[in-house]
Amino acid sequence: MTNFKQIESTNILGGIIKISLSGRTDVKGNQEIDLKLTSYTATQNAVTVDMSAVSFLASIDIRTLLMTAKAVYGRGGKMVILNPDDNVTNVLQMAGINNLIPICHSLEEAHKALRYPQNR
């Protein structure tokens, strides 16, 4: 497997940070992504992780998402996953991640989930 090709952050409407991931990952690549994701979200309370360009999700990536969400929730914030493809969605659902981190299929849906209380 190759490393994630890219991780970028963008500040969008209403103080929401959008983290965009693309590609696949392995353990070495995950360490880099983990550090950047932690850095990007360290002070954020509204986080959208755009996974529309992620083609493979390993268990270590699920751990990274959970740890990031836990940190964001610990500050009273919210995090959502945006637009994962069908395979990634299936992996997230099988792991039960969708019960902890909402999966949204549009930016509008993500904005609503980040503004209003949700079950965690």
PDB file of N, CA and C in Angstrom:
ATOM      1  N   MET A   1       0.832  -1.177   0.000  1.00  0.00           N
ATOM      2  CA  MET A   1       0.000   0.000   0.000  1.00  0.00           C
ATOM      3  C   MET A   1       0.882   1.247   0.000  1.00  0.00           C
ATOM      4  N   THR A   2       0.351   2.281  -0.549  1.00  0.00           N
ATOM      5  CA  THR A   2       1.088   3.543  -0.559  1.00  0.00           C
ATOM      6  C   THR A   2       0.547   4.460   0.521  1.00  0.00           C
ATOM      7  N   ASN A   3       1.282   5.516   0.805  1.00  0.00           N
ATOM      8  CA  ASN A   3       0.845   6.484   1.804  1.00  0.00           C
ATOM      9  C   ASN A   3      -0.278   7.332   1.252  1.00  0.00           C
ATOM     10  N   PHE A   4      -1.023   7.961   2.175  1.00  0.00           N
ATOM     11  CA  PHE A   4      -1.990   8.940   1.711  1.00  0.00           C
ATOM     12  C   PHE A   4      -1.251   9.931   0.843  1.00  0.00           C
ATOM     13  N   LYS A   5      -1.801  10.248  -0.281  1.00  0.00           N
ATOM     14  CA  LYS A   5      -1.166  11.186  -1.190  1.00  0.00           C
ATOM     15  C   LYS A   5      -1.244  12.600  -0.657  1.00  0.00           C
ATOM     16  N   GLN A   6      -2.299  12.875   0.099  1.00  0.00           N
ATOM     17  CA  GLN A   6      -2.498  14.258   0.473  1.00  0.00           C
ATOM     18  C   GLN A   6      -3.392  14.381   1.703  1.00  0.00           C
ATOM     19  N   ILE A   7      -3.060  15.357   2.531  1.00  0.00           N
ATOM     20  CA  ILE A   7      -3.934  15.791   3.610  1.00  0.00           C
ATOM     21  C   ILE A   7      -3.860  17.305   3.610  1.00  0.00           C
ATOM     22  N   GLU A   8      -5.016  17.921   3.557  1.00  0.00           N
ATOM     23  CA  GLU A   8      -5.099  19.385   3.518  1.00  0.00           C
ATOM     24  C   GLU A   8      -6.166  19.850   4.489  1.00  0.00           C
ATOM     25  N   SER A   9      -5.992  21.058   4.986  1.00  0.00           N
ATOM     26  CA  SER A   9      -7.036  21.645   5.824  1.00  0.00           C
ATOM     27  C   SER A   9      -7.484  22.957   5.215  1.00  0.00           C
ATOM     28  N   THR A  10      -8.771  23.219   5.343  1.00  0.00           N
ATOM     29  CA  THR A  10      -9.382  24.447   4.849  1.00  0.00           C
ATOM     30  C   THR A  10     -10.373  24.928   5.893  1.00  0.00           C
ATOM     31  N   ASN A  11     -10.342  26.205   6.199  1.00  0.00           N
ATOM     32  CA  ASN A  11     -11.370  26.782   7.065  1.00  0.00           C
ATOM     33  C   ASN A  11     -12.554  27.146   6.189  1.00  0.00           C
ATOM     34  N   ILE A  12     -13.733  26.664   6.585  1.00  0.00           N
ATOM     35  CA  ILE A  12     -14.923  26.933   5.791  1.00  0.00           C
ATOM     36  C   ILE A  12     -15.958  27.646   6.652  1.00  0.00           C
ATOM     37  N   LEU A  13     -17.064  27.927   6.082  1.00  0.00           N
ATOM     38  CA  LEU A  13     -18.164  28.659   6.685  1.00  0.00           C
ATOM     39  C   LEU A  13     -18.390  28.348   8.162  1.00  0.00           C
ATOM     40  N   GLY A  14     -18.546  29.374   8.943  1.00  0.00           N
ATOM     41  CA  GLY A  14     -18.956  29.213  10.327  1.00  0.00           C
ATOM     42  C   GLY A  14     -17.908  28.655  11.261  1.00  0.00           C
ATOM     43  N   GLY A  15     -16.628  28.805  10.962  1.00  0.00           N
ATOM     44  CA  GLY A  15     -15.582  28.324  11.849  1.00  0.00           C
ATOM     45  C   GLY A  15     -15.344  26.824  11.800  1.00  0.00           C
ATOM     46  N   ILE A  16     -15.818  26.182  10.763  1.00  0.00           N
ATOM     47  CA  ILE A  16     -15.626  24.744  10.595  1.00  0.00           C
ATOM     48  C   ILE A  16     -14.317  24.518   9.853  1.00  0.00           C
ATOM     49  N   ILE A  17     -13.516  23.552  10.320  1.00  0.00           N
ATOM     50  CA  ILE A  17     -12.324  23.167   9.584  1.00  0.00           C
ATOM     51  C   ILE A  17     -12.651  21.899   8.800  1.00  0.00           C
ATOM     52  N   LYS A  18     -12.255  21.890   7.542  1.00  0.00           N
ATOM     53  CA  LYS A  18     -12.461  20.727   6.689  1.00  0.00           C
ATOM     54  C   LYS A  18     -11.095  20.125   6.397  1.00  0.00           C
ATOM     55  N   ILE A  19     -10.909  18.880   6.823  1.00  0.00           N
ATOM     56  CA  ILE A  19      -9.689  18.140   6.557  1.00  0.00           C
ATOM     57  C   ILE A  19      -9.992  17.209   5.389  1.00  0.00           C
ATOM     58  N   SER A  20      -9.216  17.324   4.314  1.00  0.00           N
ATOM     59  CA  SER A  20      -9.425  16.476   3.135  1.00  0.00           C
ATOM     60  C   SER A  20      -8.290  15.469   3.034  1.00  0.00           C
ATOM     61  N   LEU A  21      -8.668  14.196   2.967  1.00  0.00           N
ATOM     62  CA  LEU A  21      -7.715  13.105   2.797  1.00  0.00           C
ATOM     63  C   LEU A  21      -7.908  12.494   1.426  1.00  0.00           C
ATOM     64  N   SER A  22      -6.815  11.986   0.846  1.00  0.00           N
ATOM     65  CA  SER A  22      -6.957  11.270  -0.417  1.00  0.00           C
ATOM     66  C   SER A  22      -5.963  10.123  -0.479  1.00  0.00           C
ATOM     67  N   GLY A  23      -6.346   9.062  -1.162  1.00  0.00           N
ATOM     68  CA  GLY A  23      -5.472   7.922  -1.400  1.00  0.00           C
ATOM     69  C   GLY A  23      -5.700   6.771  -0.446  1.00  0.00           C
ATOM     70  N   ARG A  24      -4.601   6.046  -0.195  1.00  0.00           N
ATOM     71  CA  ARG A  24      -4.591   4.885   0.687  1.00  0.00           C
ATOM     72  C   ARG A  24      -3.520   5.117   1.739  1.00  0.00           C
ATOM     73  N   THR A  25      -3.487   4.260   2.722  1.00  0.00           N
ATOM     74  CA  THR A  25      -2.460   4.426   3.749  1.00  0.00           C
ATOM     75  C   THR A  25      -1.859   3.094   4.168  1.00  0.00           C
ATOM     76  N   ASP A  26      -0.723   3.173   4.817  1.00  0.00           N
ATOM     77  CA  ASP A  26      -0.103   2.048   5.496  1.00  0.00           C
ATOM     78  C   ASP A  26       0.329   2.558   6.862  1.00  0.00           C
ATOM     79  N   VAL A  27       0.992   1.736   7.662  1.00  0.00           N
ATOM     80  CA  VAL A  27       1.348   2.135   9.016  1.00  0.00           C
ATOM     81  C   VAL A  27       2.260   3.364   9.007  1.00  0.00           C
ATOM     82  N   LYS A  28       3.267   3.371   8.162  1.00  0.00           N
ATOM     83  CA  LYS A  28       4.188   4.508   8.094  1.00  0.00           C
ATOM     84  C   LYS A  28       3.439   5.779   7.669  1.00  0.00           C
ATOM     85  N   GLY A  29       2.608   5.666   6.665  1.00  0.00           N
ATOM     86  CA  GLY A  29       1.831   6.805   6.203  1.00  0.00           C
ATOM     87  C   GLY A  29       0.861   7.291   7.253  1.00  0.00           C
ATOM     88  N   ASN A  30       0.325   6.364   8.050  1.00  0.00           N
ATOM     89  CA  ASN A  30      -0.616   6.752   9.081  1.00  0.00           C
ATOM     90  C   ASN A  30       0.023   7.633  10.133  1.00  0.00           C
ATOM     91  N   GLN A  31       1.274   7.384  10.469  1.00  0.00           N
ATOM     92  CA  GLN A  31       1.957   8.215  11.476  1.00  0.00           C
ATOM     93  C   GLN A  31       1.993   9.675  11.034  1.00  0.00           C
ATOM     94  N   GLU A  32       2.287   9.900   9.769  1.00  0.00           N
ATOM     95  CA  GLU A  32       2.316  11.268   9.243  1.00  0.00           C
ATOM     96  C   GLU A  32       0.923  11.892   9.268  1.00  0.00           C
ATOM     97  N   ILE A  33      -0.061  11.136   8.833  1.00  0.00           N
ATOM     98  CA  ILE A  33      -1.438  11.620   8.819  1.00  0.00           C
ATOM     99  C   ILE A  33      -1.907  11.897  10.248  1.00  0.00           C
ATOM    100  N   ASP A  34      -1.587  11.000  11.167  1.00  0.00           N
ATOM    101  CA  ASP A  34      -1.982  11.159  12.561  1.00  0.00           C
ATOM    102  C   ASP A  34      -1.442  12.473  13.127  1.00  0.00           C
ATOM    103  N   LEU A  35      -0.181  12.758  12.892  1.00  0.00           N
ATOM    104  CA  LEU A  35       0.428  13.995  13.388  1.00  0.00           C
ATOM    105  C   LEU A  35      -0.219  15.233  12.775  1.00  0.00           C
ATOM    106  N   LYS A  36      -0.432  15.206  11.470  1.00  0.00           N
ATOM    107  CA  LYS A  36      -1.040  16.365  10.806  1.00  0.00           C
ATOM    108  C   LYS A  36      -2.483  16.561  11.244  1.00  0.00           C
ATOM    109  N   LEU A  37      -3.234  15.476  11.334  1.00  0.00           N
ATOM    110  CA  LEU A  37      -4.630  15.572  11.752  1.00  0.00           C
ATOM    111  C   LEU A  37      -4.721  16.130  13.170  1.00  0.00           C
ATOM    112  N   THR A  38      -3.857  15.661  14.048  1.00  0.00           N
ATOM    113  CA  THR A  38      -3.818  16.175  15.415  1.00  0.00           C
ATOM    114  C   THR A  38      -3.485  17.663  15.421  1.00  0.00           C
ATOM    115  N   SER A  39      -2.514  18.044  14.616  1.00  0.00           N
ATOM    116  CA  SER A  39      -2.113  19.451  14.533  1.00  0.00           C
ATOM    117  C   SER A  39      -3.241  20.324  13.988  1.00  0.00           C
ATOM    118  N   TYR A  40      -3.878  19.876  12.909  1.00  0.00           N
ATOM    119  CA  TYR A  40      -4.947  20.655  12.286  1.00  0.00           C
ATOM    120  C   TYR A  40      -6.147  20.832  13.213  1.00  0.00           C
ATOM    121  N   THR A  41      -6.429  19.830  14.040  1.00  0.00           N
ATOM    122  CA  THR A  41      -7.654  19.850  14.836  1.00  0.00           C
ATOM    123  C   THR A  41      -7.428  20.217  16.300  1.00  0.00           C
ATOM    124  N   ALA A  42      -6.196  20.507  16.691  1.00  0.00           N
ATOM    125  CA  ALA A  42      -5.837  20.705  18.106  1.00  0.00           C
ATOM    126  C   ALA A  42      -6.681  21.751  18.823  1.00  0.00           C
ATOM    127  N   THR A  43      -7.116  22.776  18.126  1.00  0.00           N
ATOM    128  CA  THR A  43      -7.897  23.834  18.771  1.00  0.00           C
ATOM    129  C   THR A  43      -9.260  24.025  18.123  1.00  0.00           C
ATOM    130  N   GLN A  44      -9.669  23.073  17.314  1.00  0.00           N
ATOM    131  CA  GLN A  44     -10.924  23.201  16.570  1.00  0.00           C
ATOM    132  C   GLN A  44     -12.072  22.523  17.308  1.00  0.00           C
ATOM    133  N   ASN A  45     -13.260  23.106  17.199  1.00  0.00           N
ATOM    134  CA  ASN A  45     -14.449  22.518  17.808  1.00  0.00           C
ATOM    135  C   ASN A  45     -15.485  22.051  16.794  1.00  0.00           C
ATOM    136  N   ALA A  46     -15.232  22.278  15.513  1.00  0.00           N
ATOM    137  CA  ALA A  46     -16.135  21.817  14.452  1.00  0.00           C
ATOM    138  C   ALA A  46     -15.261  21.285  13.324  1.00  0.00           C
ATOM    139  N   VAL A  47     -15.221  19.950  13.188  1.00  0.00           N
ATOM    140  CA  VAL A  47     -14.290  19.302  12.260  1.00  0.00           C
ATOM    141  C   VAL A  47     -15.048  18.411  11.284  1.00  0.00           C
ATOM    142  N   THR A  48     -14.781  18.621  10.003  1.00  0.00           N
ATOM    143  CA  THR A  48     -15.290  17.762   8.946  1.00  0.00           C
ATOM    144  C   THR A  48     -14.098  17.053   8.318  1.00  0.00           C
ATOM    145  N   VAL A  49     -14.122  15.732   8.283  1.00  0.00           N
ATOM    146  CA  VAL A  49     -13.053  14.966   7.639  1.00  0.00           C
ATOM    147  C   VAL A  49     -13.610  14.436   6.325  1.00  0.00           C
ATOM    148  N   ASP A  50     -13.176  15.065   5.228  1.00  0.00           N
ATOM    149  CA  ASP A  50     -13.642  14.698   3.892  1.00  0.00           C
ATOM    150  C   ASP A  50     -12.863  13.478   3.413  1.00  0.00           C
ATOM    151  N   MET A  51     -13.568  12.368   3.251  1.00  0.00           N
ATOM    152  CA  MET A  51     -12.944  11.116   2.841  1.00  0.00           C
ATOM    153  C   MET A  51     -13.392  10.687   1.453  1.00  0.00           C
ATOM    154  N   SER A  52     -13.893  11.621   0.674  1.00  0.00           N
ATOM    155  CA  SER A  52     -14.408  11.285  -0.653  1.00  0.00           C
ATOM    156  C   SER A  52     -13.333  10.740  -1.583  1.00  0.00           C
ATOM    157  N   ALA A  53     -12.074  11.045  -1.328  1.00  0.00           N
ATOM    158  CA  ALA A  53     -10.986  10.582  -2.192  1.00  0.00           C
ATOM    159  C   ALA A  53     -10.142   9.491  -1.529  1.00  0.00           C
ATOM    160  N   VAL A  54     -10.678   8.871  -0.461  1.00  0.00           N
ATOM    161  CA  VAL A  54      -9.977   7.776   0.210  1.00  0.00           C
ATOM    162  C   VAL A  54     -10.475   6.463  -0.374  1.00  0.00           C
ATOM    163  N   SER A  55      -9.542   5.655  -0.871  1.00  0.00           N
ATOM    164  CA  SER A  55      -9.930   4.405  -1.527  1.00  0.00           C
ATOM    165  C   SER A  55      -9.771   3.175  -0.644  1.00  0.00           C
ATOM    166  N   PHE A  56      -9.095   3.308   0.488  1.00  0.00           N
ATOM    167  CA  PHE A  56      -8.875   2.183   1.384  1.00  0.00           C
ATOM    168  C   PHE A  56      -8.719   2.712   2.794  1.00  0.00           C
ATOM    169  N   LEU A  57      -9.289   2.023   3.757  1.00  0.00           N
ATOM    170  CA  LEU A  57      -9.208   2.435   5.148  1.00  0.00           C
ATOM    171  C   LEU A  57      -8.764   1.247   5.983  1.00  0.00           C
ATOM    172  N   ALA A  58      -7.598   1.356   6.610  1.00  0.00           N
ATOM    173  CA  ALA A  58      -7.066   0.298   7.466  1.00  0.00           C
ATOM    174  C   ALA A  58      -7.527   0.516   8.905  1.00  0.00           C
ATOM    175  N   SER A  59      -7.369  -0.506   9.735  1.00  0.00           N
ATOM    176  CA  SER A  59      -7.799  -0.400  11.129  1.00  0.00           C
ATOM    177  C   SER A  59      -7.048   0.707  11.866  1.00  0.00           C
ATOM    178  N   ILE A  60      -5.794   0.943  11.528  1.00  0.00           N
ATOM    179  CA  ILE A  60      -5.040   2.011  12.183  1.00  0.00           C
ATOM    180  C   ILE A  60      -5.625   3.385  11.842  1.00  0.00           C
ATOM    181  N   ASP A  61      -6.206   3.498  10.654  1.00  0.00           N
ATOM    182  CA  ASP A  61      -6.860   4.753  10.260  1.00  0.00           C
ATOM    183  C   ASP A  61      -8.123   4.977  11.090  1.00  0.00           C
ATOM    184  N   ILE A  62      -8.833   3.901  11.380  1.00  0.00           N
ATOM    185  CA  ILE A  62     -10.034   3.990  12.215  1.00  0.00           C
ATOM    186  C   ILE A  62      -9.636   4.481  13.602  1.00  0.00           C
ATOM    187  N   ARG A  63      -8.537   3.957  14.115  1.00  0.00           N
ATOM    188  CA  ARG A  63      -8.035   4.409  15.411  1.00  0.00           C
ATOM    189  C   ARG A  63      -7.735   5.908  15.371  1.00  0.00           C
ATOM    190  N   THR A  64      -7.085   6.371  14.316  1.00  0.00           N
ATOM    191  CA  THR A  64      -6.762   7.791  14.178  1.00  0.00           C
ATOM    192  C   THR A  64      -8.030   8.637  14.190  1.00  0.00           C
ATOM    193  N   LEU A  65      -9.053   8.214  13.453  1.00  0.00           N
ATOM    194  CA  LEU A  65     -10.315   8.950  13.437  1.00  0.00           C
ATOM    195  C   LEU A  65     -10.946   8.988  14.829  1.00  0.00           C
ATOM    196  N   LEU A  66     -10.940   7.848  15.520  1.00  0.00           N
ATOM    197  CA  LEU A  66     -11.530   7.789  16.858  1.00  0.00           C
ATOM    198  C   LEU A  66     -10.782   8.672  17.851  1.00  0.00           C
ATOM    199  N   MET A  67      -9.457   8.638  17.813  1.00  0.00           N
ATOM    200  CA  MET A  67      -8.664   9.447  18.740  1.00  0.00           C
ATOM    201  C   MET A  67      -8.868  10.934  18.464  1.00  0.00           C
ATOM    202  N   THR A  68      -8.961  11.295  17.195  1.00  0.00           N
ATOM    203  CA  THR A  68      -9.198  12.696  16.840  1.00  0.00           C
ATOM    204  C   THR A  68     -10.572  13.129  17.323  1.00  0.00           C
ATOM    205  N   ALA A  69     -11.574  12.299  17.063  1.00  0.00           N
ATOM    206  CA  ALA A  69     -12.933  12.623  17.505  1.00  0.00           C
ATOM    207  C   ALA A  69     -12.999  12.743  19.024  1.00  0.00           C
ATOM    208  N   LYS A  70     -12.329  11.848  19.726  1.00  0.00           N
ATOM    209  CA  LYS A  70     -12.325  11.885  21.186  1.00  0.00           C
ATOM    210  C   LYS A  70     -11.746  13.209  21.686  1.00  0.00           C
ATOM    211  N   ALA A  71     -10.658  13.661  21.075  1.00  0.00           N
ATOM    212  CA  ALA A  71     -10.046  14.940  21.470  1.00  0.00           C
ATOM    213  C   ALA A  71     -10.982  16.107  21.187  1.00  0.00           C
ATOM    214  N   VAL A  72     -11.612  16.094  20.014  1.00  0.00           N
ATOM    215  CA  VAL A  72     -12.545  17.171  19.649  1.00  0.00           C
ATOM    216  C   VAL A  72     -13.747  17.156  20.596  1.00  0.00           C
ATOM    217  N   TYR A  73     -14.325  15.984  20.844  1.00  0.00           N
ATOM    218  CA  TYR A  73     -15.469  15.875  21.746  1.00  0.00           C
ATOM    219  C   TYR A  73     -15.095  16.296  23.160  1.00  0.00           C
ATOM    220  N   GLY A  74     -13.852  15.997  23.566  1.00  0.00           N
ATOM    221  CA  GLY A  74     -13.376  16.364  24.891  1.00  0.00           C
ATOM    222  C   GLY A  74     -13.336  17.870  25.116  1.00  0.00           C
ATOM    223  N   ARG A  75     -13.226  18.628  24.041  1.00  0.00           N
ATOM    224  CA  ARG A  75     -13.256  20.100  24.121  1.00  0.00           C
ATOM    225  C   ARG A  75     -14.670  20.632  23.945  1.00  0.00           C
ATOM    226  N   GLY A  76     -15.639  19.743  23.863  1.00  0.00           N
ATOM    227  CA  GLY A  76     -17.018  20.165  23.657  1.00  0.00           C
ATOM    228  C   GLY A  76     -17.359  20.371  22.196  1.00  0.00           C
ATOM    229  N   GLY A  77     -16.495  19.907  21.296  1.00  0.00           N
ATOM    230  CA  GLY A  77     -16.710  20.073  19.866  1.00  0.00           C
ATOM    231  C   GLY A  77     -17.389  18.872  19.229  1.00  0.00           C
ATOM    232  N   LYS A  78     -17.467  18.915  17.924  1.00  0.00           N
ATOM    233  CA  LYS A  78     -18.110  17.860  17.140  1.00  0.00           C
ATOM    234  C   LYS A  78     -17.258  17.556  15.914  1.00  0.00           C
ATOM    235  N   MET A  79     -17.335  16.321  15.449  1.00  0.00           N
ATOM    236  CA  MET A  79     -16.611  15.901  14.252  1.00  0.00           C
ATOM    237  C   MET A  79     -17.524  15.022  13.409  1.00  0.00           C
ATOM    238  N   VAL A  80     -17.441  15.181  12.084  1.00  0.00           N
ATOM    239  CA  VAL A  80     -18.192  14.339  11.165  1.00  0.00           C
ATOM    240  C   VAL A  80     -17.264  13.836  10.066  1.00  0.00           C
ATOM    241  N   ILE A  81     -17.660  12.739   9.459  1.00  0.00           N
ATOM    242  CA  ILE A  81     -16.969  12.202   8.286  1.00  0.00           C
ATOM    243  C   ILE A  81     -17.823  12.541   7.080  1.00  0.00           C
ATOM    244  N   LEU A  82     -17.189  13.065   6.045  1.00  0.00           N
ATOM    245  CA  LEU A  82     -17.902  13.523   4.863  1.00  0.00           C
ATOM    246  C   LEU A  82     -17.592  12.650   3.653  1.00  0.00           C
ATOM    247  N   ASN A  83     -18.637  12.197   2.984  1.00  0.00           N
ATOM    248  CA  ASN A  83     -18.582  11.545   1.672  1.00  0.00           C
ATOM    249  C   ASN A  83     -17.625  10.373   1.502  1.00  0.00           C
ATOM    250  N   PRO A  84     -17.577   9.421   2.440  1.00  0.00           N
ATOM    251  CA  PRO A  84     -16.746   8.250   2.158  1.00  0.00           C
ATOM    252  C   PRO A  84     -17.383   7.426   1.037  1.00  0.00           C
ATOM    253  N   ASP A  85     -16.558   6.743   0.245  1.00  0.00           N
ATOM    254  CA  ASP A  85     -17.131   5.909  -0.817  1.00  0.00           C
ATOM    255  C   ASP A  85     -17.796   4.684  -0.180  1.00  0.00           C
ATOM    256  N   ASP A  86     -18.445   3.867  -0.987  1.00  0.00           N
ATOM    257  CA  ASP A  86     -19.217   2.734  -0.466  1.00  0.00           C
ATOM    258  C   ASP A  86     -18.356   1.767   0.336  1.00  0.00           C
ATOM    259  N   ASN A  87     -17.141   1.456  -0.161  1.00  0.00           N
ATOM    260  CA  ASN A  87     -16.272   0.515   0.547  1.00  0.00           C
ATOM    261  C   ASN A  87     -15.835   1.068   1.897  1.00  0.00           C
ATOM    262  N   VAL A  88     -15.426   2.326   1.927  1.00  0.00           N
ATOM    263  CA  VAL A  88     -15.011   2.953   3.182  1.00  0.00           C
ATOM    264  C   VAL A  88     -16.199   3.068   4.128  1.00  0.00           C
ATOM    265  N   THR A  89     -17.364   3.412   3.616  1.00  0.00           N
ATOM    266  CA  THR A  89     -18.574   3.476   4.445  1.00  0.00           C
ATOM    267  C   THR A  89     -18.853   2.128   5.080  1.00  0.00           C
ATOM    268  N   ASN A  90     -18.747   1.059   4.306  1.00  0.00           N
ATOM    269  CA  ASN A  90     -18.983  -0.290   4.841  1.00  0.00           C
ATOM    270  C   ASN A  90     -18.017  -0.619   5.967  1.00  0.00           C
ATOM    271  N   VAL A  91     -16.740  -0.280   5.794  1.00  0.00           N
ATOM    272  CA  VAL A  91     -15.736  -0.524   6.830  1.00  0.00           C
ATOM    273  C   VAL A  91     -16.086   0.269   8.092  1.00  0.00           C
ATOM    274  N   LEU A  92     -16.442   1.534   7.924  1.00  0.00           N
ATOM    275  CA  LEU A  92     -16.805   2.373   9.067  1.00  0.00           C
ATOM    276  C   LEU A  92     -18.033   1.825   9.790  1.00  0.00           C
ATOM    277  N   GLN A  93     -19.016   1.366   9.028  1.00  0.00           N
ATOM    278  CA  GLN A  93     -20.234   0.823   9.630  1.00  0.00           C
ATOM    279  C   GLN A  93     -19.968  -0.504  10.334  1.00  0.00           C
ATOM    280  N   MET A  94     -19.159  -1.370   9.725  1.00  0.00           N
ATOM    281  CA  MET A  94     -18.831  -2.653  10.361  1.00  0.00           C
ATOM    282  C   MET A  94     -18.084  -2.436  11.678  1.00  0.00           C
ATOM    283  N   ALA A  95     -17.270  -1.385  11.739  1.00  0.00           N
ATOM    284  CA  ALA A  95     -16.523  -1.067  12.956  1.00  0.00           C
ATOM    285  C   ALA A  95     -17.379  -0.291  13.957  1.00  0.00           C
ATOM    286  N   GLY A  96     -18.563   0.109  13.565  1.00  0.00           N
ATOM    287  CA  GLY A  96     -19.457   0.851  14.447  1.00  0.00           C
ATOM    288  C   GLY A  96     -19.091   2.324  14.592  1.00  0.00           C
ATOM    289  N   ILE A  97     -18.212   2.813  13.739  1.00  0.00           N
ATOM    290  CA  ILE A  97     -17.763   4.203  13.815  1.00  0.00           C
ATOM    291  C   ILE A  97     -18.914   5.168  13.574  1.00  0.00           C
ATOM    292  N   ASN A  98     -19.832   4.787  12.709  1.00  0.00           N
ATOM    293  CA  ASN A  98     -20.963   5.665  12.398  1.00  0.00           C
ATOM    294  C   ASN A  98     -21.847   5.922  13.616  1.00  0.00           C
ATOM    295  N   ASN A  99     -21.736   5.097  14.656  1.00  0.00           N
ATOM    296  CA  ASN A  99     -22.472   5.335  15.903  1.00  0.00           C
ATOM    297  C   ASN A  99     -21.784   6.373  16.771  1.00  0.00           C
ATOM    298  N   LEU A 100     -20.515   6.640  16.501  1.00  0.00           N
ATOM    299  CA  LEU A 100     -19.732   7.584  17.286  1.00  0.00           C
ATOM    300  C   LEU A 100     -19.439   8.874  16.533  1.00  0.00           C
ATOM    301  N   ILE A 101     -19.175   8.737  15.241  1.00  0.00           N
ATOM    302  CA  ILE A 101     -18.867   9.883  14.393  1.00  0.00           C
ATOM    303  C   ILE A 101     -19.877   9.862  13.241  1.00  0.00           C
ATOM    304  N   PRO A 102     -20.732  10.862  13.145  1.00  0.00           N
ATOM    305  CA  PRO A 102     -21.721  10.869  12.058  1.00  0.00           C
ATOM    306  C   PRO A 102     -21.063  10.845  10.677  1.00  0.00           C
ATOM    307  N   ILE A 103     -21.676  10.095   9.779  1.00  0.00           N
ATOM    308  CA  ILE A 103     -21.257  10.069   8.380  1.00  0.00           C
ATOM    309  C   ILE A 103     -22.249  10.917   7.605  1.00  0.00           C
ATOM    310  N   CYS A 104     -21.739  11.933   6.930  1.00  0.00           N
ATOM    311  CA  CYS A 104     -22.582  12.852   6.169  1.00  0.00           C
ATOM    312  C   CYS A 104     -22.276  12.723   4.683  1.00  0.00           C
ATOM    313  N   HIS A 105     -23.301  12.962   3.876  1.00  0.00           N
ATOM    314  CA  HIS A 105     -23.145  12.790   2.431  1.00  0.00           C
ATOM    315  C   HIS A 105     -23.210  14.090   1.653  1.00  0.00           C
ATOM    316  N   SER A 106     -23.232  15.205   2.374  1.00  0.00           N
ATOM    317  CA  SER A 106     -23.140  16.517   1.724  1.00  0.00           C
ATOM    318  C   SER A 106     -22.557  17.491   2.731  1.00  0.00           C
ATOM    319  N   LEU A 107     -21.984  18.567   2.226  1.00  0.00           N
ATOM    320  CA  LEU A 107     -21.436  19.598   3.106  1.00  0.00           C
ATOM    321  C   LEU A 107     -22.547  20.242   3.933  1.00  0.00           C
ATOM    322  N   GLU A 108     -23.715  20.399   3.338  1.00  0.00           N
ATOM    323  CA  GLU A 108     -24.863  20.967   4.061  1.00  0.00           C
ATOM    324  C   GLU A 108     -25.258  20.073   5.239  1.00  0.00           C
ATOM    325  N   GLU A 109     -25.314  18.772   4.996  1.00  0.00           N
ATOM    326  CA  GLU A 109     -25.635  17.819   6.059  1.00  0.00           C
ATOM    327  C   GLU A 109     -24.563  17.865   7.156  1.00  0.00           C
ATOM    328  N   ALA A 110     -23.298  17.982   6.765  1.00  0.00           N
ATOM    329  CA  ALA A 110     -22.198  18.078   7.733  1.00  0.00           C
ATOM    330  C   ALA A 110     -22.331  19.339   8.580  1.00  0.00           C
ATOM    331  N   HIS A 111     -22.643  20.466   7.941  1.00  0.00           N
ATOM    332  CA  HIS A 111     -22.818  21.727   8.676  1.00  0.00           C
ATOM    333  C   HIS A 111     -23.928  21.602   9.706  1.00  0.00           C
ATOM    334  N   LYS A 112     -25.039  20.994   9.335  1.00  0.00           N
ATOM    335  CA  LYS A 112     -26.158  20.812  10.271  1.00  0.00           C
ATOM    336  C   LYS A 112     -25.745  19.932  11.447  1.00  0.00           C
ATOM    337  N   ALA A 113     -25.034  18.848  11.160  1.00  0.00           N
ATOM    338  CA  ALA A 113     -24.606  17.932  12.219  1.00  0.00           C
ATOM    339  C   ALA A 113     -23.638  18.604  13.179  1.00  0.00           C
ATOM    340  N   LEU A 114     -22.819  19.506  12.671  1.00  0.00           N
ATOM    341  CA  LEU A 114     -21.844  20.182  13.516  1.00  0.00           C
ATOM    342  C   LEU A 114     -22.458  21.295  14.360  1.00  0.00           C
ATOM    343  N   ARG A 115     -23.592  21.824  13.935  1.00  0.00           N
ATOM    344  CA  ARG A 115     -24.244  22.926  14.657  1.00  0.00           C
ATOM    345  C   ARG A 115     -25.185  22.458  15.748  1.00  0.00           C
ATOM    346  N   TYR A 116     -25.745  21.285  15.605  1.00  0.00           N
ATOM    347  CA  TYR A 116     -26.774  20.828  16.519  1.00  0.00           C
ATOM    348  C   TYR A 116     -26.290  19.647  17.348  1.00  0.00           C
ATOM    349  N   PRO A 117     -26.838  19.472  18.541  1.00  0.00           N
ATOM    350  CA  PRO A 117     -26.428  18.334  19.387  1.00  0.00           C
ATOM    351  C   PRO A 117     -26.652  17.020  18.661  1.00  0.00           C
ATOM    352  N   GLN A 118     -25.766  16.092  18.936  1.00  0.00           N
ATOM    353  CA  GLN A 118     -25.863  14.773  18.316  1.00  0.00           C
ATOM    354  C   GLN A 118     -25.495  13.729  19.364  1.00  0.00           C
ATOM    355  N   ASN A 119     -25.936  12.514  19.152  1.00  0.00           N
ATOM    356  CA  ASN A 119     -25.550  11.427  20.055  1.00  0.00           C
ATOM    357  C   ASN A 119     -24.137  11.024  19.728  1.00  0.00           C
ATOM    358  N   ARG A 120     -23.383  10.738  20.753  1.00  0.00           N
ATOM    359  CA  ARG A 120     -21.995  10.286  20.535  1.00  0.00           C
ATOM    360  C   ARG A 120     -21.823   8.913  21.072  1.00  0.00           C
TER     361      ARG A 120
END
